[in-house]
Amino acid sequence: MTAAHPNQDRAEAALGSLSALGASVAGFGVGVLFADRVPALAWPAIVGGVAVHLFGMVGTMRLRSVEGYRPARLERFGYWACWLIVGALLAYAIAELFR
């Protein structure tokens, strides 16, 4: 990100987030549509999606911190809330595995 065009940077970030949200909602729809046809793909898809998401999330935070960016309190809350949700999902997966 360059400091010369902060509005463009914000717009690009917002559009990237909007794109990710749209892909997520579409993926959810596809999952609901095919839930009874391919249940064996559920956990591999969840694991793959979470891994990709975490890689992007951690990578973004690292890049921004190198540039000296300090996230707002709400951003930090969202970051750690995401890790908490991933942890809960992992705990659920382990419980299901041993059930």
Protein backbone atom coordinates (compact mmCIF):
# COMPACT_ATOMS: atom_id res chain seq x y z
CA MET A 1 0.00 0.00 0.00
CA THR A 2 1.21 3.46 -0.77
CA ALA A 3 0.51 6.56 1.27
CA ALA A 4 0.09 8.60 -1.91
CA HIS A 5 -3.41 7.24 -2.59
CA PRO A 6 -5.04 6.37 0.74
CA ASN A 7 -8.59 6.56 -0.66
CA GLN A 8 -7.69 4.18 -3.49
CA ASP A 9 -6.07 1.81 -0.98
CA ARG A 10 -9.22 1.85 1.15
CA ALA A 11 -11.40 1.28 -1.89
CA GLU A 12 -9.24 -1.66 -3.01
CA ALA A 13 -9.33 -3.17 0.48
CA ALA A 14 -13.10 -2.73 0.69
CA LEU A 15 -13.61 -4.29 -2.73
CA GLY A 16 -11.33 -7.19 -1.80
CA SER A 17 -13.37 -7.76 1.35
CA LEU A 18 -16.61 -7.52 -0.61
CA SER A 19 -15.29 -10.06 -3.11
CA ALA A 20 -14.29 -12.46 -0.32
CA LEU A 21 -17.68 -12.07 1.31
CA GLY A 22 -19.46 -12.78 -1.96
CA ALA A 23 -17.34 -15.87 -2.58
CA SER A 24 -18.08 -17.06 0.95
CA VAL A 25 -21.82 -16.62 0.58
CA ALA A 26 -21.77 -18.35 -2.81
CA GLY A 27 -19.71 -21.19 -1.33
CA PHE A 28 -22.20 -21.52 1.50
CA GLY A 29 -25.02 -21.71 -1.05
CA VAL A 30 -23.24 -24.41 -3.03
CA GLY A 31 -22.61 -26.30 0.21
CA VAL A 32 -26.28 -26.18 1.14
CA LEU A 33 -27.28 -27.20 -2.37
CA PHE A 34 -25.05 -30.27 -2.40
CA ALA A 35 -24.99 -31.11 1.33
CA ASP A 36 -26.78 -34.41 0.96
CA ARG A 37 -24.80 -35.45 -2.13
CA VAL A 38 -21.19 -35.02 -1.02
CA PRO A 39 -20.99 -35.06 2.78
CA ALA A 40 -17.51 -36.62 2.65
CA LEU A 41 -16.15 -33.34 1.26
CA ALA A 42 -17.37 -31.22 4.17
CA TRP A 43 -14.39 -31.55 6.52
CA PRO A 44 -11.71 -31.36 3.81
CA ALA A 45 -13.37 -28.20 2.49
CA ILE A 46 -13.58 -26.68 5.97
CA VAL A 47 -9.94 -27.52 6.75
CA GLY A 48 -8.73 -26.18 3.41
CA GLY A 49 -10.80 -23.02 3.67
CA VAL A 50 -9.68 -22.32 7.23
CA ALA A 51 -6.02 -22.90 6.32
CA VAL A 52 -6.21 -20.51 3.35
CA HIS A 53 -8.10 -17.94 5.42
CA LEU A 54 -5.59 -18.06 8.28
CA PHE A 55 -2.65 -17.83 5.88
CA GLY A 56 -4.15 -14.69 4.32
CA MET A 57 -5.15 -13.18 7.66
CA VAL A 58 -1.78 -13.72 9.35
CA GLY A 59 0.09 -12.65 6.21
CA THR A 60 -1.87 -9.43 6.00
CA MET A 61 -1.21 -8.62 9.65
CA ARG A 62 2.50 -9.29 9.21
CA LEU A 63 2.79 -7.14 6.09
CA ARG A 64 0.95 -4.29 7.75
CA SER A 65 3.03 -4.50 10.92
CA VAL A 66 6.26 -4.31 8.91
CA GLU A 67 4.95 -1.06 7.42
CA GLY A 68 4.37 0.23 10.96
CA TYR A 69 0.59 -0.12 10.86
CA ARG A 70 -1.08 -0.44 14.25
CA PRO A 71 -4.55 -2.01 14.02
CA ALA A 72 -7.50 -0.39 15.73
CA ARG A 73 -9.05 -2.09 18.74
CA LEU A 74 -11.93 -3.46 16.63
CA GLU A 75 -9.48 -4.97 14.13
CA ARG A 76 -7.53 -6.67 16.92
CA PHE A 77 -10.80 -7.95 18.38
CA GLY A 78 -11.81 -9.39 15.00
CA TYR A 79 -8.41 -11.00 14.53
CA TRP A 80 -8.50 -12.76 17.89
CA ALA A 81 -12.21 -13.58 17.60
CA CYS A 82 -11.39 -15.36 14.37
CA TRP A 83 -8.72 -17.43 16.11
CA LEU A 84 -11.21 -18.24 18.87
CA ILE A 85 -13.79 -19.42 16.34
CA VAL A 86 -11.17 -21.54 14.55
CA GLY A 87 -10.20 -23.05 17.89
CA ALA A 88 -13.83 -23.85 18.68
CA LEU A 89 -14.25 -25.41 15.24
CA LEU A 90 -11.13 -27.51 15.82
CA ALA A 91 -12.44 -28.65 19.22
CA TYR A 92 -15.76 -29.59 17.60
CA ALA A 93 -13.97 -31.53 14.85
CA ILE A 94 -11.91 -33.45 17.40
CA ALA A 95 -15.04 -34.22 19.45
CA GLU A 96 -16.80 -35.48 16.32
CA LEU A 97 -13.79 -37.62 15.44
CA PHE A 98 -13.94 -39.43 18.78
CA ARG A 99 -17.72 -39.70 18.93
